[in-house]
Amino acid sequence: MSKSTFIICEKSYLIRKGLISIIEKIPDTRIVQQFDSEDEIKNLGNFESDFIIINTNLLNTKTQKILQKISNTSAGGMGFTQIISLSQKSEFKEINWVEYINIDDSQNIILTKLKTLIGNRKTDNPKSEAPDEISKREIDILKNIALGLSNREIADKLFISAHTVVTHRKNITRKLGIKTVPGLTIYAILHKIINIDDTEQIKS
């Protein structure tokens, strides 16, 4: 069984360690990355995880847009990351929060919230039909390649570097053995990464 993965964004060392301690009590979970500053959160797009737990006090104009992009992609069905707020419910309504953890919540309450999210994800979250060897980030890259976007356009859209996009493209080509964009597009359609109607967006 694959592990449920988490990224934690929290300035306080004690709160971060407390969350990690609680998450580790849940079987088949793993902490992918920890961020403790606004500056570091800019790198969120370079990591894959099932859940991001973030204190909204760390959000500024730029990082809010990054998180909003991640949450909106997930809400659209092609993303895989769900965002959990470590704050009050009234903040940043533009982001598709799936849950709110209050700093005063007991361990049992936090465990219940996280277990419920993990359980719902495993039963309700639509799965791509792409082979297991294609990572979640590579699926995102492949989708945008199939839609005709350039490396720079994909990088800007996913808030990652163009170099990272090139690296992912090489890995996708190596894993699938498909070198051409038309071939990747057909693959994406067959594996329901994009719909055939989406190809109307492809630039001539």
C-alpha atoms as a PDB file:
ATOM      1  CA  MET A   1       0.000   0.000   0.000  1.00  0.00           C
ATOM      2  CA  SER A   2       1.390   3.428  -0.920  1.00  0.00           C
ATOM      3  CA  LYS A   3       2.033   5.873   1.885  1.00  0.00           C
ATOM      4  CA  SER A   4       0.043   9.086   2.365  1.00  0.00           C
ATOM      5  CA  THR A   5       2.553  11.913   2.112  1.00  0.00           C
ATOM      6  CA  PHE A   6       2.612  15.303   3.836  1.00  0.00           C
ATOM      7  CA  ILE A   7       4.400  18.636   3.532  1.00  0.00           C
ATOM      8  CA  ILE A   8       4.335  20.823   6.658  1.00  0.00           C
ATOM      9  CA  CYS A   9       4.704  24.604   6.437  1.00  0.00           C
ATOM     10  CA  GLU A  10       4.995  26.102   9.911  1.00  0.00           C
ATOM     11  CA  LYS A  11       7.461  28.597  11.399  1.00  0.00           C
ATOM     12  CA  SER A  12       7.342  27.220  14.944  1.00  0.00           C
ATOM     13  CA  TYR A  13       9.737  24.323  15.513  1.00  0.00           C
ATOM     14  CA  LEU A  14       7.612  22.953  18.365  1.00  0.00           C
ATOM     15  CA  ILE A  15       4.376  23.009  16.356  1.00  0.00           C
ATOM     16  CA  ARG A  16       6.075  21.365  13.362  1.00  0.00           C
ATOM     17  CA  LYS A  17       7.473  18.592  15.536  1.00  0.00           C
ATOM     18  CA  GLY A  18       4.113  18.178  17.248  1.00  0.00           C
ATOM     19  CA  LEU A  19       2.357  17.718  13.893  1.00  0.00           C
ATOM     20  CA  ILE A  20       5.010  15.277  12.725  1.00  0.00           C
ATOM     21  CA  SER A  21       4.593  13.279  15.945  1.00  0.00           C
ATOM     22  CA  ILE A  22       0.819  13.092  15.391  1.00  0.00           C
ATOM     23  CA  ILE A  23       1.109  12.179  11.707  1.00  0.00           C
ATOM     24  CA  GLU A  24       3.596   9.411  12.513  1.00  0.00           C
ATOM     25  CA  LYS A  25       0.934   7.778  14.685  1.00  0.00           C
ATOM     26  CA  ILE A  26      -1.076   7.127  11.495  1.00  0.00           C
ATOM     27  CA  PRO A  27       0.040   3.976   9.629  1.00  0.00           C
ATOM     28  CA  ASP A  28       1.460   4.334   6.100  1.00  0.00           C
ATOM     29  CA  THR A  29       2.257   8.045   6.263  1.00  0.00           C
ATOM     30  CA  ARG A  30       5.442   9.922   5.417  1.00  0.00           C
ATOM     31  CA  ILE A  31       6.670  13.512   5.792  1.00  0.00           C
ATOM     32  CA  VAL A  32       8.074  14.625   2.430  1.00  0.00           C
ATOM     33  CA  GLN A  33       9.318  18.096   3.356  1.00  0.00           C
ATOM     34  CA  GLN A  34       9.179  20.814   6.013  1.00  0.00           C
ATOM     35  CA  PHE A  35       9.176  24.575   5.384  1.00  0.00           C
ATOM     36  CA  ASP A  36       9.572  27.189   8.095  1.00  0.00           C
ATOM     37  CA  SER A  37       9.644  30.508   6.191  1.00  0.00           C
ATOM     38  CA  GLU A  38       7.862  32.438   3.442  1.00  0.00           C
ATOM     39  CA  ASP A  39      11.034  32.244   1.369  1.00  0.00           C
ATOM     40  CA  GLU A  40      11.182  28.450   1.443  1.00  0.00           C
ATOM     41  CA  ILE A  41       7.503  28.064   0.535  1.00  0.00           C
ATOM     42  CA  LYS A  42       8.340  29.380  -2.943  1.00  0.00           C
ATOM     43  CA  ASN A  43       9.745  25.888  -3.572  1.00  0.00           C
ATOM     44  CA  LEU A  44       6.450  24.093  -2.873  1.00  0.00           C
ATOM     45  CA  GLY A  45       5.955  23.351  -6.556  1.00  0.00           C
ATOM     46  CA  ASN A  46       9.139  21.280  -6.650  1.00  0.00           C
ATOM     47  CA  PHE A  47       7.780  18.648  -4.263  1.00  0.00           C
ATOM     48  CA  GLU A  48       4.956  16.135  -4.570  1.00  0.00           C
ATOM     49  CA  SER A  49       2.682  15.215  -1.681  1.00  0.00           C
ATOM     50  CA  ASP A  50      -0.860  14.138  -0.963  1.00  0.00           C
ATOM     51  CA  PHE A  51      -1.387  16.851   1.658  1.00  0.00           C
ATOM     52  CA  ILE A  52       0.083  20.231   2.559  1.00  0.00           C
ATOM     53  CA  ILE A  53      -0.476  21.515   6.096  1.00  0.00           C
ATOM     54  CA  ILE A  54       0.288  25.234   6.183  1.00  0.00           C
ATOM     55  CA  ASN A  55       0.041  28.082   8.667  1.00  0.00           C
ATOM     56  CA  THR A  56      -1.480  30.933   6.642  1.00  0.00           C
ATOM     57  CA  ASN A  57       0.724  33.416   8.508  1.00  0.00           C
ATOM     58  CA  LEU A  58       3.493  32.231   6.184  1.00  0.00           C
ATOM     59  CA  LEU A  59       1.601  33.266   3.058  1.00  0.00           C
ATOM     60  CA  ASN A  60       2.514  36.423   1.178  1.00  0.00           C
ATOM     61  CA  THR A  61       1.234  37.629  -2.203  1.00  0.00           C
ATOM     62  CA  LYS A  62       3.483  35.319  -4.229  1.00  0.00           C
ATOM     63  CA  THR A  63       3.210  32.203  -2.088  1.00  0.00           C
ATOM     64  CA  GLN A  64      -0.549  32.648  -1.801  1.00  0.00           C
ATOM     65  CA  LYS A  65      -0.768  32.460  -5.599  1.00  0.00           C
ATOM     66  CA  ILE A  66       1.374  29.314  -5.623  1.00  0.00           C
ATOM     67  CA  LEU A  67      -0.834  27.637  -3.029  1.00  0.00           C
ATOM     68  CA  GLN A  68      -3.992  28.844  -4.765  1.00  0.00           C
ATOM     69  CA  LYS A  69      -2.735  27.320  -8.012  1.00  0.00           C
ATOM     70  CA  ILE A  70      -2.031  23.994  -6.310  1.00  0.00           C
ATOM     71  CA  SER A  71      -5.453  23.918  -4.642  1.00  0.00           C
ATOM     72  CA  ASN A  72      -7.326  24.912  -7.809  1.00  0.00           C
ATOM     73  CA  THR A  73      -5.499  22.256  -9.836  1.00  0.00           C
ATOM     74  CA  SER A  74      -6.470  19.624  -7.271  1.00  0.00           C
ATOM     75  CA  ALA A  75     -10.083  20.782  -7.291  1.00  0.00           C
ATOM     76  CA  GLY A  76     -10.137  20.387 -11.066  1.00  0.00           C
ATOM     77  CA  GLY A  77      -9.486  16.670 -10.830  1.00  0.00           C
ATOM     78  CA  MET A  78      -6.016  16.557 -12.378  1.00  0.00           C
ATOM     79  CA  GLY A  79      -4.102  17.550  -9.259  1.00  0.00           C
ATOM     80  CA  PHE A  80      -3.249  15.345  -6.334  1.00  0.00           C
ATOM     81  CA  THR A  81      -2.428  17.686  -3.462  1.00  0.00           C
ATOM     82  CA  GLN A  82      -4.984  18.684  -0.833  1.00  0.00           C
ATOM     83  CA  ILE A  83      -4.414  21.763   1.319  1.00  0.00           C
ATOM     84  CA  ILE A  84      -5.009  21.846   5.088  1.00  0.00           C
ATOM     85  CA  SER A  85      -5.038  25.179   6.926  1.00  0.00           C
ATOM     86  CA  LEU A  86      -3.349  25.488  10.302  1.00  0.00           C
ATOM     87  CA  SER A  87      -5.456  28.523  11.214  1.00  0.00           C
ATOM     88  CA  GLN A  88      -9.004  29.864  11.281  1.00  0.00           C
ATOM     89  CA  LYS A  89     -11.611  29.073   8.635  1.00  0.00           C
ATOM     90  CA  SER A  90     -12.136  32.679   7.522  1.00  0.00           C
ATOM     91  CA  GLU A  91      -8.686  33.166   5.972  1.00  0.00           C
ATOM     92  CA  PHE A  92      -7.797  33.014   2.266  1.00  0.00           C
ATOM     93  CA  LYS A  93     -11.113  31.847   0.864  1.00  0.00           C
ATOM     94  CA  GLU A  94      -9.593  31.783  -2.642  1.00  0.00           C
ATOM     95  CA  ILE A  95      -7.780  28.572  -1.696  1.00  0.00           C
ATOM     96  CA  ASN A  96      -9.662  25.262  -1.738  1.00  0.00           C
ATOM     97  CA  TRP A  97      -8.995  24.151   1.823  1.00  0.00           C
ATOM     98  CA  VAL A  98     -10.051  20.574   2.567  1.00  0.00           C
ATOM     99  CA  GLU A  99      -9.732  20.921   6.348  1.00  0.00           C
ATOM    100  CA  TYR A 100      -8.821  23.349   9.131  1.00  0.00           C
ATOM    101  CA  ILE A 101      -6.662  22.422  12.112  1.00  0.00           C
ATOM    102  CA  ASN A 102      -6.885  24.796  15.058  1.00  0.00           C
ATOM    103  CA  ILE A 103      -3.807  25.282  17.199  1.00  0.00           C
ATOM    104  CA  ASP A 104      -5.970  24.424  20.233  1.00  0.00           C
ATOM    105  CA  ASP A 105      -7.239  21.125  18.781  1.00  0.00           C
ATOM    106  CA  SER A 106      -6.425  18.066  20.860  1.00  0.00           C
ATOM    107  CA  GLN A 107      -4.317  15.233  19.488  1.00  0.00           C
ATOM    108  CA  ASN A 108      -7.398  13.042  19.098  1.00  0.00           C
ATOM    109  CA  ILE A 109      -9.241  15.715  17.108  1.00  0.00           C
ATOM    110  CA  ILE A 110      -6.272  16.244  14.782  1.00  0.00           C
ATOM    111  CA  LEU A 111      -5.865  12.490  14.321  1.00  0.00           C
ATOM    112  CA  THR A 112      -9.554  12.142  13.503  1.00  0.00           C
ATOM    113  CA  LYS A 113      -9.408  14.946  10.920  1.00  0.00           C
ATOM    114  CA  LEU A 114      -6.303  13.561   9.216  1.00  0.00           C
ATOM    115  CA  LYS A 115      -7.511   9.943   9.211  1.00  0.00           C
ATOM    116  CA  THR A 116     -10.813  11.059   7.695  1.00  0.00           C
ATOM    117  CA  LEU A 117      -9.027  12.973   4.937  1.00  0.00           C
ATOM    118  CA  ILE A 118      -6.753  10.030   4.174  1.00  0.00           C
ATOM    119  CA  GLY A 119      -9.692   7.620   4.128  1.00  0.00           C
ATOM    120  CA  ASN A 120     -11.766   9.862   1.866  1.00  0.00           C
ATOM    121  CA  ARG A 121      -8.849  10.323  -0.479  1.00  0.00           C
ATOM    122  CA  LYS A 122      -8.311   6.600  -0.901  1.00  0.00           C
ATOM    123  CA  THR A 123     -11.985   5.906  -1.628  1.00  0.00           C
ATOM    124  CA  ASP A 124     -13.132   9.025  -3.495  1.00  0.00           C
ATOM    125  CA  ASN A 125     -10.141  10.632  -5.184  1.00  0.00           C
ATOM    126  CA  PRO A 126     -10.163   9.821  -8.924  1.00  0.00           C
ATOM    127  CA  LYS A 127      -7.053   7.995 -10.023  1.00  0.00           C
ATOM    128  CA  SER A 128      -5.260   8.533 -13.280  1.00  0.00           C
ATOM    129  CA  GLU A 129      -5.024   5.492 -15.488  1.00  0.00           C
ATOM    130  CA  ALA A 130      -1.410   6.252 -16.309  1.00  0.00           C
ATOM    131  CA  PRO A 131       1.069   3.520 -15.348  1.00  0.00           C
ATOM    132  CA  ASP A 132       2.473   3.567 -11.802  1.00  0.00           C
ATOM    133  CA  GLU A 133       5.950   4.486 -13.009  1.00  0.00           C
ATOM    134  CA  ILE A 134       4.745   7.949 -14.049  1.00  0.00           C
ATOM    135  CA  SER A 135       4.914  10.245 -11.028  1.00  0.00           C
ATOM    136  CA  LYS A 136       2.201  12.732 -10.109  1.00  0.00           C
ATOM    137  CA  ARG A 137       4.339  15.683 -11.179  1.00  0.00           C
ATOM    138  CA  GLU A 138       5.188  13.955 -14.448  1.00  0.00           C
ATOM    139  CA  ILE A 139       1.464  13.511 -15.122  1.00  0.00           C
ATOM    140  CA  ASP A 140       1.025  17.270 -14.667  1.00  0.00           C
ATOM    141  CA  ILE A 141       3.910  17.924 -17.056  1.00  0.00           C
ATOM    142  CA  LEU A 142       2.636  15.370 -19.577  1.00  0.00           C
ATOM    143  CA  LYS A 143      -0.833  16.923 -19.557  1.00  0.00           C
ATOM    144  CA  ASN A 144       0.559  20.334 -20.435  1.00  0.00           C
ATOM    145  CA  ILE A 145       2.911  18.941 -23.071  1.00  0.00           C
ATOM    146  CA  ALA A 146      -0.094  17.264 -24.684  1.00  0.00           C
ATOM    147  CA  LEU A 147      -1.928  20.589 -24.616  1.00  0.00           C
ATOM    148  CA  GLY A 148       0.886  22.151 -26.638  1.00  0.00           C
ATOM    149  CA  LEU A 149       2.547  24.310 -23.986  1.00  0.00           C
ATOM    150  CA  SER A 150       6.238  25.160 -24.218  1.00  0.00           C
ATOM    151  CA  ASN A 151       8.715  24.377 -21.450  1.00  0.00           C
ATOM    152  CA  ARG A 152       8.627  28.002 -20.282  1.00  0.00           C
ATOM    153  CA  GLU A 153       4.809  28.095 -20.313  1.00  0.00           C
ATOM    154  CA  ILE A 154       4.643  24.869 -18.300  1.00  0.00           C
ATOM    155  CA  ALA A 155       7.203  26.206 -15.831  1.00  0.00           C
ATOM    156  CA  ASP A 156       5.246  29.423 -15.328  1.00  0.00           C
ATOM    157  CA  LYS A 157       1.956  27.564 -14.987  1.00  0.00           C
ATOM    158  CA  LEU A 158       3.245  25.080 -12.388  1.00  0.00           C
ATOM    159  CA  PHE A 159       5.552  27.539 -10.597  1.00  0.00           C
ATOM    160  CA  ILE A 160       8.684  25.498 -11.252  1.00  0.00           C
ATOM    161  CA  SER A 161      11.864  26.205 -13.228  1.00  0.00           C
ATOM    162  CA  ALA A 162      12.194  25.521 -16.951  1.00  0.00           C
ATOM    163  CA  HIS A 163      15.164  23.280 -16.106  1.00  0.00           C
ATOM    164  CA  THR A 164      12.876  21.170 -13.884  1.00  0.00           C
ATOM    165  CA  VAL A 165      10.385  20.850 -16.750  1.00  0.00           C
ATOM    166  CA  VAL A 166      13.133  19.680 -19.119  1.00  0.00           C
ATOM    167  CA  THR A 167      14.257  17.088 -16.570  1.00  0.00           C
ATOM    168  CA  HIS A 168      10.702  15.781 -16.196  1.00  0.00           C
ATOM    169  CA  ARG A 169      10.281  15.628 -19.986  1.00  0.00           C
ATOM    170  CA  LYS A 170      13.410  13.524 -20.306  1.00  0.00           C
ATOM    171  CA  ASN A 171      12.175  11.168 -17.590  1.00  0.00           C
ATOM    172  CA  ILE A 172       8.742  10.874 -19.234  1.00  0.00           C
ATOM    173  CA  THR A 173      10.323  10.077 -22.614  1.00  0.00           C
ATOM    174  CA  ARG A 174      12.626   7.515 -21.037  1.00  0.00           C
ATOM    175  CA  LYS A 175       9.855   5.786 -19.065  1.00  0.00           C
ATOM    176  CA  LEU A 176       7.291   5.705 -21.881  1.00  0.00           C
ATOM    177  CA  GLY A 177       9.652   5.284 -24.823  1.00  0.00           C
ATOM    178  CA  ILE A 178       7.712   8.021 -26.664  1.00  0.00           C
ATOM    179  CA  LYS A 179       9.782  10.871 -28.113  1.00  0.00           C
ATOM    180  CA  THR A 180       7.285  12.971 -30.086  1.00  0.00           C
ATOM    181  CA  VAL A 181       4.629  15.402 -28.835  1.00  0.00           C
ATOM    182  CA  PRO A 182       1.897  13.778 -31.002  1.00  0.00           C
ATOM    183  CA  GLY A 183       2.801  10.416 -29.502  1.00  0.00           C
ATOM    184  CA  LEU A 184       2.647  11.808 -25.973  1.00  0.00           C
ATOM    185  CA  THR A 185      -0.691  13.453 -26.787  1.00  0.00           C
ATOM    186  CA  ILE A 186      -2.183  10.151 -27.934  1.00  0.00           C
ATOM    187  CA  TYR A 187      -0.825   8.478 -24.802  1.00  0.00           C
ATOM    188  CA  ALA A 188      -2.380  11.179 -22.618  1.00  0.00           C
ATOM    189  CA  ILE A 189      -5.772  10.749 -24.297  1.00  0.00           C
ATOM    190  CA  LEU A 190      -5.706   6.954 -24.061  1.00  0.00           C
ATOM    191  CA  HIS A 191      -4.840   7.087 -20.376  1.00  0.00           C
ATOM    192  CA  LYS A 192      -7.411   9.812 -19.661  1.00  0.00           C
ATOM    193  CA  ILE A 193      -4.825  12.369 -18.597  1.00  0.00           C
ATOM    194  CA  ILE A 194      -6.575  14.753 -20.977  1.00  0.00           C
ATOM    195  CA  ASN A 195      -9.895  14.514 -22.785  1.00  0.00           C
ATOM    196  CA  ILE A 196      -9.961  14.460 -26.556  1.00  0.00           C
ATOM    197  CA  ASP A 197     -11.910  17.729 -26.427  1.00  0.00           C
ATOM    198  CA  ASP A 198      -8.964  19.321 -24.636  1.00  0.00           C
ATOM    199  CA  THR A 199      -6.898  18.973 -27.784  1.00  0.00           C
ATOM    200  CA  GLU A 200      -8.834  21.877 -29.248  1.00  0.00           C
ATOM    201  CA  GLN A 201      -6.691  24.041 -26.986  1.00  0.00           C
ATOM    202  CA  ILE A 202      -3.501  22.894 -28.709  1.00  0.00           C
ATOM    203  CA  LYS A 203      -1.860  25.748 -30.538  1.00  0.00           C
ATOM    204  CA  SER A 204      -1.498  25.369 -34.281  1.00  0.00           C
END
